[in-house]
Every structure is written in structure tokens, then in C-alpha cells.
Amino acid sequence: MEFIPWLSQQLEPGRSGRLVVRESVQDNETVRDLLERMARNDPKLAANVFDLKTRNLHEHVAAVLNDRMIELLKGLDEPLKPGDTLTLLPTFQGG
């Protein structure tokens, strides 16, 4: 899993650049399951990336799985397999 800056800085204050985390994929695990499991173990991830109450990404986070926007797949319910690369990046909003 890869976190692109601004998110990497929220998870590890003072960090510059991207943050890469290797995480095992469990049988039949989806993107949502993985993020929920990780957020339960990391309060910073829960506060900045994945909302445990709604079981969704925070509104300022986008996900890319193997170079494809997750919305083009099955969203957070996309199944994972070993070797997949999940990239989380901040969305940009404004006018």
C-alpha cells in the first residue's frame, strides 16, 4: 500500500515523500476489509484515511488499485490478491 503526500505526512508527521506499507492480504479480503483492519490498529489511519463508523474512505481520499481508479472496479468491495498495489492519495477540490 502506498500513501501519497499529504496523507503520508498525516500518518507520519515530518515525513516527506510517499509512504509504502506492506500488508498481507487475507483470503477473500476486499479493499474495504483491508482498510478497516488497518484503521482499527492505527488511529491516525482511522482519523485521516478510513472512517470506521461509515466503513468508507474519508471524503478527501481517493484510492487506486493496480493503476485503476477504484470506482472503475467494484469500489471498496473489490477483492484483493497477493501482489496488488493499493495507492491512496488526497483528492483536490476547489474552484
PDB file of N, CA and C in Angstrom:
ATOM      1  N   MET A   1       0.852  -1.159   0.000  1.00  0.00           N
ATOM      2  CA  MET A   1       0.000   0.000   0.000  1.00  0.00           C
ATOM      3  C   MET A   1       0.899   1.223   0.000  1.00  0.00           C
ATOM      4  N   GLU A   2       0.485   2.220  -0.744  1.00  0.00           N
ATOM      5  CA  GLU A   2       1.274   3.431  -0.884  1.00  0.00           C
ATOM      6  C   GLU A   2       0.408   4.639  -0.529  1.00  0.00           C
ATOM      7  N   PHE A   3       0.942   5.517   0.299  1.00  0.00           N
ATOM      8  CA  PHE A   3       0.273   6.758   0.672  1.00  0.00           C
ATOM      9  C   PHE A   3       1.060   7.905   0.052  1.00  0.00           C
ATOM     10  N   ILE A   4       0.369   8.722  -0.716  1.00  0.00           N
ATOM     11  CA  ILE A   4       0.982   9.863  -1.387  1.00  0.00           C
ATOM     12  C   ILE A   4       0.934  11.066  -0.441  1.00  0.00           C
ATOM     13  N   PRO A   5       1.967  11.944  -0.453  1.00  0.00           N
ATOM     14  CA  PRO A   5       1.907  13.116   0.412  1.00  0.00           C
ATOM     15  C   PRO A   5       0.628  13.889   0.148  1.00  0.00           C
ATOM     16  N   TRP A   6       0.215  14.433   0.940  1.00  0.00           N
ATOM     17  CA  TRP A   6      -0.314  14.925   2.159  1.00  0.00           C
ATOM     18  C   TRP A   6      -0.708  13.790   3.088  1.00  0.00           C
ATOM     19  N   LEU A   7      -1.217  12.682   2.613  1.00  0.00           N
ATOM     20  CA  LEU A   7      -1.634  11.596   3.502  1.00  0.00           C
ATOM     21  C   LEU A   7      -0.441  11.013   4.257  1.00  0.00           C
ATOM     22  N   SER A   8       0.682  10.831   3.594  1.00  0.00           N
ATOM     23  CA  SER A   8       1.847  10.260   4.278  1.00  0.00           C
ATOM     24  C   SER A   8       2.282  11.159   5.434  1.00  0.00           C
ATOM     25  N   GLN A   9       2.150  12.466   5.262  1.00  0.00           N
ATOM     26  CA  GLN A   9       2.520  13.401   6.325  1.00  0.00           C
ATOM     27  C   GLN A   9       1.547  13.338   7.495  1.00  0.00           C
ATOM     28  N   GLN A  10       0.295  13.007   7.233  1.00  0.00           N
ATOM     29  CA  GLN A  10      -0.678  12.874   8.314  1.00  0.00           C
ATOM     30  C   GLN A  10      -0.411  11.609   9.135  1.00  0.00           C
ATOM     31  N   LEU A  11       0.060  10.566   8.476  1.00  0.00           N
ATOM     32  CA  LEU A  11       0.323   9.305   9.158  1.00  0.00           C
ATOM     33  C   LEU A  11       1.669   9.307   9.873  1.00  0.00           C
ATOM     34  N   GLU A  12       2.636  10.009   9.305  1.00  0.00           N
ATOM     35  CA  GLU A  12       3.960  10.133   9.914  1.00  0.00           C
ATOM     36  C   GLU A  12       4.392  11.589   9.818  1.00  0.00           C
ATOM     37  N   PRO A  13       3.993  12.404  10.818  1.00  0.00           N
ATOM     38  CA  PRO A  13       4.340  13.833  10.784  1.00  0.00           C
ATOM     39  C   PRO A  13       5.833  14.048  10.557  1.00  0.00           C
ATOM     40  N   GLY A  14       6.141  15.024   9.712  1.00  0.00           N
ATOM     41  CA  GLY A  14       7.524  15.333   9.391  1.00  0.00           C
ATOM     42  C   GLY A  14       8.061  14.562   8.197  1.00  0.00           C
ATOM     43  N   ARG A  15       7.292  13.608   7.726  1.00  0.00           N
ATOM     44  CA  ARG A  15       7.721  12.790   6.579  1.00  0.00           C
ATOM     45  C   ARG A  15       7.603  13.609   5.310  1.00  0.00           C
ATOM     46  N   SER A  16       8.558  13.417   4.421  1.00  0.00           N
ATOM     47  CA  SER A  16       8.432  13.997   3.089  1.00  0.00           C
ATOM     48  C   SER A  16       8.437  12.841   2.098  1.00  0.00           C
ATOM     49  N   GLY A  17       7.646  12.948   1.088  1.00  0.00           N
ATOM     50  CA  GLY A  17       7.561  11.871   0.106  1.00  0.00           C
ATOM     51  C   GLY A  17       6.491  10.856   0.461  1.00  0.00           C
ATOM     52  N   ARG A  18       6.450   9.825  -0.345  1.00  0.00           N
ATOM     53  CA  ARG A  18       5.422   8.805  -0.179  1.00  0.00           C
ATOM     54  C   ARG A  18       5.786   7.844   0.946  1.00  0.00           C
ATOM     55  N   LEU A  19       4.775   7.142   1.434  1.00  0.00           N
ATOM     56  CA  LEU A  19       4.934   6.135   2.472  1.00  0.00           C
ATOM     57  C   LEU A  19       4.456   4.811   1.901  1.00  0.00           C
ATOM     58  N   VAL A  20       5.301   3.794   1.924  1.00  0.00           N
ATOM     59  CA  VAL A  20       4.943   2.474   1.424  1.00  0.00           C
ATOM     60  C   VAL A  20       4.827   1.531   2.615  1.00  0.00           C
ATOM     61  N   VAL A  21       3.696   0.828   2.686  1.00  0.00           N
ATOM     62  CA  VAL A  21       3.431  -0.125   3.759  1.00  0.00           C
ATOM     63  C   VAL A  21       3.116  -1.465   3.115  1.00  0.00           C
ATOM     64  N   ARG A  22       3.777  -2.491   3.563  1.00  0.00           N
ATOM     65  CA  ARG A  22       3.482  -3.840   3.073  1.00  0.00           C
ATOM     66  C   ARG A  22       2.529  -4.488   4.056  1.00  0.00           C
ATOM     67  N   GLU A  23       1.451  -5.029   3.540  1.00  0.00           N
ATOM     68  CA  GLU A  23       0.419  -5.636   4.376  1.00  0.00           C
ATOM     69  C   GLU A  23      -0.021  -6.934   3.722  1.00  0.00           C
ATOM     70  N   SER A  24      -0.133  -7.989   4.506  1.00  0.00           N
ATOM     71  CA  SER A  24      -0.611  -9.273   3.987  1.00  0.00           C
ATOM     72  C   SER A  24      -2.083  -9.177   3.629  1.00  0.00           C
ATOM     73  N   VAL A  25      -2.462  -9.883   2.579  1.00  0.00           N
ATOM     74  CA  VAL A  25      -3.863  -9.954   2.164  1.00  0.00           C
ATOM     75  C   VAL A  25      -4.426 -11.279   2.645  1.00  0.00           C
ATOM     76  N   GLN A  26      -5.545 -11.207   3.336  1.00  0.00           N
ATOM     77  CA  GLN A  26      -6.188 -12.418   3.834  1.00  0.00           C
ATOM     78  C   GLN A  26      -7.132 -12.978   2.772  1.00  0.00           C
ATOM     79  N   ASP A  27      -7.478 -14.259   2.898  1.00  0.00           N
ATOM     80  CA  ASP A  27      -8.397 -14.891   1.944  1.00  0.00           C
ATOM     81  C   ASP A  27      -9.700 -14.115   1.850  1.00  0.00           C
ATOM     82  N   ASN A  28     -10.164 -13.877   0.630  1.00  0.00           N
ATOM     83  CA  ASN A  28     -11.437 -13.197   0.346  1.00  0.00           C
ATOM     84  C   ASN A  28     -11.508 -11.783   0.905  1.00  0.00           C
ATOM     85  N   GLU A  29     -10.375 -11.155   1.145  1.00  0.00           N
ATOM     86  CA  GLU A  29     -10.369  -9.801   1.692  1.00  0.00           C
ATOM     87  C   GLU A  29     -10.586  -8.785   0.577  1.00  0.00           C
ATOM     88  N   THR A  30     -11.400  -7.781   0.859  1.00  0.00           N
ATOM     89  CA  THR A  30     -11.648  -6.693  -0.080  1.00  0.00           C
ATOM     90  C   THR A  30     -10.827  -5.476   0.337  1.00  0.00           C
ATOM     91  N   VAL A  31     -10.810  -4.479  -0.519  1.00  0.00           N
ATOM     92  CA  VAL A  31     -10.142  -3.223  -0.180  1.00  0.00           C
ATOM     93  C   VAL A  31     -10.738  -2.671   1.116  1.00  0.00           C
ATOM     94  N   ARG A  32     -12.054  -2.675   1.233  1.00  0.00           N
ATOM     95  CA  ARG A  32     -12.730  -2.168   2.436  1.00  0.00           C
ATOM     96  C   ARG A  32     -12.284  -2.953   3.680  1.00  0.00           C
ATOM     97  N   ASP A  33     -12.242  -4.278   3.565  1.00  0.00           N
ATOM     98  CA  ASP A  33     -11.828  -5.112   4.698  1.00  0.00           C
ATOM     99  C   ASP A  33     -10.403  -4.774   5.145  1.00  0.00           C
ATOM    100  N   LEU A  34      -9.507  -4.643   4.183  1.00  0.00           N
ATOM    101  CA  LEU A  34      -8.115  -4.330   4.493  1.00  0.00           C
ATOM    102  C   LEU A  34      -8.005  -2.981   5.194  1.00  0.00           C
ATOM    103  N   LEU A  35      -8.643  -1.967   4.629  1.00  0.00           N
ATOM    104  CA  LEU A  35      -8.565  -0.639   5.224  1.00  0.00           C
ATOM    105  C   LEU A  35      -9.188  -0.608   6.619  1.00  0.00           C
ATOM    106  N   GLU A  36     -10.286  -1.324   6.790  1.00  0.00           N
ATOM    107  CA  GLU A  36     -10.925  -1.380   8.104  1.00  0.00           C
ATOM    108  C   GLU A  36      -9.994  -2.062   9.118  1.00  0.00           C
ATOM    109  N   ARG A  37      -9.392  -3.153   8.726  1.00  0.00           N
ATOM    110  CA  ARG A  37      -8.470  -3.876   9.610  1.00  0.00           C
ATOM    111  C   ARG A  37      -7.293  -2.975  10.004  1.00  0.00           C
ATOM    112  N   MET A  38      -6.743  -2.277   9.026  1.00  0.00           N
ATOM    113  CA  MET A  38      -5.611  -1.409   9.304  1.00  0.00           C
ATOM    114  C   MET A  38      -6.013  -0.209  10.164  1.00  0.00           C
ATOM    115  N   ALA A  39      -7.192   0.371   9.896  1.00  0.00           N
ATOM    116  CA  ALA A  39      -7.652   1.534  10.661  1.00  0.00           C
ATOM    117  C   ALA A  39      -7.940   1.169  12.114  1.00  0.00           C
ATOM    118  N   ARG A  40      -8.401  -0.046  12.365  1.00  0.00           N
ATOM    119  CA  ARG A  40      -8.638  -0.483  13.748  1.00  0.00           C
ATOM    120  C   ARG A  40      -7.329  -0.540  14.548  1.00  0.00           C
ATOM    121  N   ASN A  41      -6.216  -0.753  13.856  1.00  0.00           N
ATOM    122  CA  ASN A  41      -4.914  -0.851  14.513  1.00  0.00           C
ATOM    123  C   ASN A  41      -4.113   0.442  14.483  1.00  0.00           C
ATOM    124  N   ASP A  42      -4.611   1.456  13.769  1.00  0.00           N
ATOM    125  CA  ASP A  42      -3.853   2.704  13.626  1.00  0.00           C
ATOM    126  C   ASP A  42      -4.808   3.899  13.696  1.00  0.00           C
ATOM    127  N   PRO A  43      -4.876   4.566  14.846  1.00  0.00           N
ATOM    128  CA  PRO A  43      -5.785   5.710  14.994  1.00  0.00           C
ATOM    129  C   PRO A  43      -5.545   6.827  13.976  1.00  0.00           C
ATOM    130  N   LYS A  44      -4.300   7.037  13.550  1.00  0.00           N
ATOM    131  CA  LYS A  44      -4.023   8.077  12.552  1.00  0.00           C
ATOM    132  C   LYS A  44      -4.641   7.708  11.206  1.00  0.00           C
ATOM    133  N   LEU A  45      -4.583   6.434  10.851  1.00  0.00           N
ATOM    134  CA  LEU A  45      -5.197   5.983   9.603  1.00  0.00           C
ATOM    135  C   LEU A  45      -6.717   6.150   9.694  1.00  0.00           C
ATOM    136  N   ALA A  46      -7.287   5.823  10.841  1.00  0.00           N
ATOM    137  CA  ALA A  46      -8.732   5.981  11.026  1.00  0.00           C
ATOM    138  C   ALA A  46      -9.125   7.458  10.970  1.00  0.00           C
ATOM    139  N   ALA A  47      -8.325   8.329  11.514  1.00  0.00           N
ATOM    140  CA  ALA A  47      -8.647   9.755  11.541  1.00  0.00           C
ATOM    141  C   ALA A  47      -8.475  10.429  10.190  1.00  0.00           C
ATOM    142  N   ASN A  48      -7.571   9.918   9.365  1.00  0.00           N
ATOM    143  CA  ASN A  48      -7.225  10.623   8.126  1.00  0.00           C
ATOM    144  C   ASN A  48      -7.572   9.908   6.833  1.00  0.00           C
ATOM    145  N   VAL A  49      -7.803   8.599   6.894  1.00  0.00           N
ATOM    146  CA  VAL A  49      -7.987   7.836   5.658  1.00  0.00           C
ATOM    147  C   VAL A  49      -9.308   7.080   5.619  1.00  0.00           C
ATOM    148  N   PHE A  50      -9.576   6.243   6.619  1.00  0.00           N
ATOM    149  CA  PHE A  50     -10.742   5.350   6.588  1.00  0.00           C
ATOM    150  C   PHE A  50     -11.601   5.558   7.820  1.00  0.00           C
ATOM    151  N   ASP A  51     -12.864   5.917   7.601  1.00  0.00           N
ATOM    152  CA  ASP A  51     -13.817   6.168   8.683  1.00  0.00           C
ATOM    153  C   ASP A  51     -14.415   4.841   9.145  1.00  0.00           C
ATOM    154  N   LEU A  52     -14.109   4.445  10.363  1.00  0.00           N
ATOM    155  CA  LEU A  52     -14.598   3.165  10.881  1.00  0.00           C
ATOM    156  C   LEU A  52     -16.107   3.146  11.092  1.00  0.00           C
ATOM    157  N   LYS A  53     -16.717   4.301  11.319  1.00  0.00           N
ATOM    158  CA  LYS A  53     -18.174   4.341  11.517  1.00  0.00           C
ATOM    159  C   LYS A  53     -18.924   4.101  10.215  1.00  0.00           C
ATOM    160  N   THR A  54     -18.493   4.740   9.140  1.00  0.00           N
ATOM    161  CA  THR A  54     -19.192   4.605   7.855  1.00  0.00           C
ATOM    162  C   THR A  54     -18.614   3.486   6.997  1.00  0.00           C
ATOM    163  N   ARG A  55     -17.425   2.995   7.375  1.00  0.00           N
ATOM    164  CA  ARG A  55     -16.712   1.968   6.616  1.00  0.00           C
ATOM    165  C   ARG A  55     -16.396   2.439   5.187  1.00  0.00           C
ATOM    166  N   ASN A  56     -16.045   3.710   5.082  1.00  0.00           N
ATOM    167  CA  ASN A  56     -15.699   4.306   3.795  1.00  0.00           C
ATOM    168  C   ASN A  56     -14.451   5.167   3.947  1.00  0.00           C
ATOM    169  N   LEU A  57     -13.851   5.481   2.810  1.00  0.00           N
ATOM    170  CA  LEU A  57     -12.755   6.435   2.803  1.00  0.00           C
ATOM    171  C   LEU A  57     -13.273   7.798   3.234  1.00  0.00           C
ATOM    172  N   HIS A  58     -12.418   8.575   3.888  1.00  0.00           N
ATOM    173  CA  HIS A  58     -12.778   9.962   4.173  1.00  0.00           C
ATOM    174  C   HIS A  58     -12.946  10.684   2.837  1.00  0.00           C
ATOM    175  N   GLU A  59     -13.739  11.733   2.822  1.00  0.00           N
ATOM    176  CA  GLU A  59     -14.081  12.401   1.563  1.00  0.00           C
ATOM    177  C   GLU A  59     -12.877  12.986   0.838  1.00  0.00           C
ATOM    178  N   HIS A  60     -11.782  13.214   1.516  1.00  0.00           N
ATOM    179  CA  HIS A  60     -10.602  13.810   0.883  1.00  0.00           C
ATOM    180  C   HIS A  60      -9.580  12.764   0.419  1.00  0.00           C
ATOM    181  N   VAL A  61     -10.004  11.483   0.340  1.00  0.00           N
ATOM    182  CA  VAL A  61      -9.090  10.402  -0.038  1.00  0.00           C
ATOM    183  C   VAL A  61      -9.631   9.663  -1.269  1.00  0.00           C
ATOM    184  N   ALA A  62      -8.756   9.398  -2.217  1.00  0.00           N
ATOM    185  CA  ALA A  62      -9.093   8.589  -3.389  1.00  0.00           C
ATOM    186  C   ALA A  62      -8.209   7.346  -3.376  1.00  0.00           C
ATOM    187  N   ALA A  63      -8.716   6.265  -3.969  1.00  0.00           N
ATOM    188  CA  ALA A  63      -7.975   5.008  -3.999  1.00  0.00           C
ATOM    189  C   ALA A  63      -7.771   4.534  -5.435  1.00  0.00           C
ATOM    190  N   VAL A  64      -6.586   4.005  -5.677  1.00  0.00           N
ATOM    191  CA  VAL A  64      -6.218   3.452  -6.972  1.00  0.00           C
ATOM    192  C   VAL A  64      -5.679   2.048  -6.713  1.00  0.00           C
ATOM    193  N   LEU A  65      -6.245   1.071  -7.398  1.00  0.00           N
ATOM    194  CA  LEU A  65      -5.807  -0.313  -7.250  1.00  0.00           C
ATOM    195  C   LEU A  65      -5.173  -0.758  -8.562  1.00  0.00           C
ATOM    196  N   ASN A  66      -3.906  -1.102  -8.492  1.00  0.00           N
ATOM    197  CA  ASN A  66      -3.172  -1.545  -9.690  1.00  0.00           C
ATOM    198  C   ASN A  66      -3.334  -0.565 -10.847  1.00  0.00           C
ATOM    199  N   ASP A  67      -3.159   0.717 -10.548  1.00  0.00           N
ATOM    200  CA  ASP A  67      -3.196   1.802 -11.540  1.00  0.00           C
ATOM    201  C   ASP A  67      -4.583   2.079 -12.124  1.00  0.00           C
ATOM    202  N   ARG A  68      -5.643   1.603 -11.476  1.00  0.00           N
ATOM    203  CA  ARG A  68      -7.009   1.904 -11.926  1.00  0.00           C
ATOM    204  C   ARG A  68      -7.793   2.518 -10.781  1.00  0.00           C
ATOM    205  N   MET A  69      -8.496   3.593 -11.069  1.00  0.00           N
ATOM    206  CA  MET A  69      -9.343   4.203 -10.034  1.00  0.00           C
ATOM    207  C   MET A  69     -10.305   3.153  -9.512  1.00  0.00           C
ATOM    208  N   ILE A  70     -10.437   3.083  -8.226  1.00  0.00           N
ATOM    209  CA  ILE A  70     -11.240   2.035  -7.601  1.00  0.00           C
ATOM    210  C   ILE A  70     -12.709   2.099  -8.034  1.00  0.00           C
ATOM    211  N   GLU A  71     -13.174   3.301  -8.362  1.00  0.00           N
ATOM    212  CA  GLU A  71     -14.564   3.457  -8.807  1.00  0.00           C
ATOM    213  C   GLU A  71     -14.825   2.744 -10.130  1.00  0.00           C
ATOM    214  N   LEU A  72     -13.785   2.522 -10.912  1.00  0.00           N
ATOM    215  CA  LEU A  72     -13.941   1.818 -12.182  1.00  0.00           C
ATOM    216  C   LEU A  72     -13.993   0.308 -11.987  1.00  0.00           C
ATOM    217  N   LEU A  73     -13.700  -0.129 -10.782  1.00  0.00           N
ATOM    218  CA  LEU A  73     -13.760  -1.554 -10.451  1.00  0.00           C
ATOM    219  C   LEU A  73     -15.031  -1.775  -9.633  1.00  0.00           C
ATOM    220  N   LYS A  74     -14.944  -2.483  -8.546  1.00  0.00           N
ATOM    221  CA  LYS A  74     -16.098  -2.707  -7.669  1.00  0.00           C
ATOM    222  C   LYS A  74     -16.050  -1.805  -6.451  1.00  0.00           C
ATOM    223  N   GLY A  75     -15.348  -0.688  -6.558  1.00  0.00           N
ATOM    224  CA  GLY A  75     -15.217   0.214  -5.428  1.00  0.00           C
ATOM    225  C   GLY A  75     -14.453  -0.456  -4.303  1.00  0.00           C
ATOM    226  N   LEU A  76     -14.792  -0.114  -3.078  1.00  0.00           N
ATOM    227  CA  LEU A  76     -14.105  -0.681  -1.922  1.00  0.00           C
ATOM    228  C   LEU A  76     -14.380  -2.165  -1.745  1.00  0.00           C
ATOM    229  N   ASP A  77     -15.343  -2.698  -2.464  1.00  0.00           N
ATOM    230  CA  ASP A  77     -15.657  -4.117  -2.368  1.00  0.00           C
ATOM    231  C   ASP A  77     -14.876  -4.963  -3.379  1.00  0.00           C
ATOM    232  N   GLU A  78     -13.903  -4.340  -4.037  1.00  0.00           N
ATOM    233  CA  GLU A  78     -13.038  -5.062  -4.975  1.00  0.00           C
ATOM    234  C   GLU A  78     -12.178  -6.067  -4.190  1.00  0.00           C
ATOM    235  N   PRO A  79     -12.196  -7.330  -4.603  1.00  0.00           N
ATOM    236  CA  PRO A  79     -11.355  -8.329  -3.925  1.00  0.00           C
ATOM    237  C   PRO A  79      -9.873  -8.057  -4.173  1.00  0.00           C
ATOM    238  N   LEU A  80      -9.065  -8.377  -3.177  1.00  0.00           N
ATOM    239  CA  LEU A  80      -7.623  -8.225  -3.283  1.00  0.00           C
ATOM    240  C   LEU A  80      -6.954  -9.576  -3.471  1.00  0.00           C
ATOM    241  N   LYS A  81      -5.789  -9.531  -4.092  1.00  0.00           N
ATOM    242  CA  LYS A  81      -4.982 -10.741  -4.222  1.00  0.00           C
ATOM    243  C   LYS A  81      -3.535 -10.368  -3.912  1.00  0.00           C
ATOM    244  N   PRO A  82      -2.721 -11.331  -3.505  1.00  0.00           N
ATOM    245  CA  PRO A  82      -1.321 -11.026  -3.230  1.00  0.00           C
ATOM    246  C   PRO A  82      -0.666 -10.348  -4.435  1.00  0.00           C
ATOM    247  N   GLY A  83       0.131  -9.335  -4.146  1.00  0.00           N
ATOM    248  CA  GLY A  83       0.825  -8.606  -5.201  1.00  0.00           C
ATOM    249  C   GLY A  83       0.103  -7.363  -5.687  1.00  0.00           C
ATOM    250  N   ASP A  84      -1.160  -7.181  -5.291  1.00  0.00           N
ATOM    251  CA  ASP A  84      -1.883  -5.966  -5.666  1.00  0.00           C
ATOM    252  C   ASP A  84      -1.206  -4.747  -5.045  1.00  0.00           C
ATOM    253  N   THR A  85      -1.337  -3.625  -5.728  1.00  0.00           N
ATOM    254  CA  THR A  85      -0.829  -2.358  -5.205  1.00  0.00           C
ATOM    255  C   THR A  85      -1.995  -1.399  -5.034  1.00  0.00           C
ATOM    256  N   LEU A  86      -2.223  -0.984  -3.801  1.00  0.00           N
ATOM    257  CA  LEU A  86      -3.266  -0.020  -3.473  1.00  0.00           C
ATOM    258  C   LEU A  86      -2.582   1.298  -3.162  1.00  0.00           C
ATOM    259  N   THR A  87      -2.963   2.348  -3.889  1.00  0.00           N
ATOM    260  CA  THR A  87      -2.404   3.672  -3.676  1.00  0.00           C
ATOM    261  C   THR A  87      -3.518   4.579  -3.170  1.00  0.00           C
ATOM    262  N   LEU A  88      -3.236   5.283  -2.083  1.00  0.00           N
ATOM    263  CA  LEU A  88      -4.194   6.224  -1.511  1.00  0.00           C
ATOM    264  C   LEU A  88      -3.623   7.623  -1.663  1.00  0.00           C
ATOM    265  N   LEU A  89      -4.431   8.522  -2.183  1.00  0.00           N
ATOM    266  CA  LEU A  89      -3.969   9.864  -2.437  1.00  0.00           C
ATOM    267  C   LEU A  89      -5.023  10.878  -2.045  1.00  0.00           C
ATOM    268  N   PRO A  90      -4.592  12.090  -1.722  1.00  0.00           N
ATOM    269  CA  PRO A  90      -5.567  13.111  -1.377  1.00  0.00           C
ATOM    270  C   PRO A  90      -6.282  13.593  -2.630  1.00  0.00           C
ATOM    271  N   THR A  91      -7.559  13.875  -2.487  1.00  0.00           N
ATOM    272  CA  THR A  91      -8.297  14.462  -3.611  1.00  0.00           C
ATOM    273  C   THR A  91      -8.102  15.964  -3.573  1.00  0.00           C
ATOM    274  N   PHE A  92      -8.249  16.583  -4.697  1.00  0.00           N
ATOM    275  CA  PHE A  92      -8.103  18.026  -4.784  1.00  0.00           C
ATOM    276  C   PHE A  92      -9.453  18.611  -5.109  1.00  0.00           C
ATOM    277  N   GLN A  93      -9.844  19.601  -4.317  1.00  0.00           N
ATOM    278  CA  GLN A  93     -11.150  20.228  -4.504  1.00  0.00           C
ATOM    279  C   GLN A  93     -10.944  21.731  -4.576  1.00  0.00           C
ATOM    280  N   GLY A  94     -11.921  22.374  -5.109  1.00  0.00           N
ATOM    281  CA  GLY A  94     -11.840  23.823  -5.169  1.00  0.00           C
ATOM    282  C   GLY A  94     -12.397  24.338  -6.477  1.00  0.00           C
ATOM    283  N   GLY A  95     -12.330  25.608  -6.633  1.00  0.00           N
ATOM    284  CA  GLY A  95     -12.918  26.192  -7.819  1.00  0.00           C
ATOM    285  C   GLY A  95     -11.963  27.020  -8.602  1.00  0.00           C
TER     286      GLY A  95
END
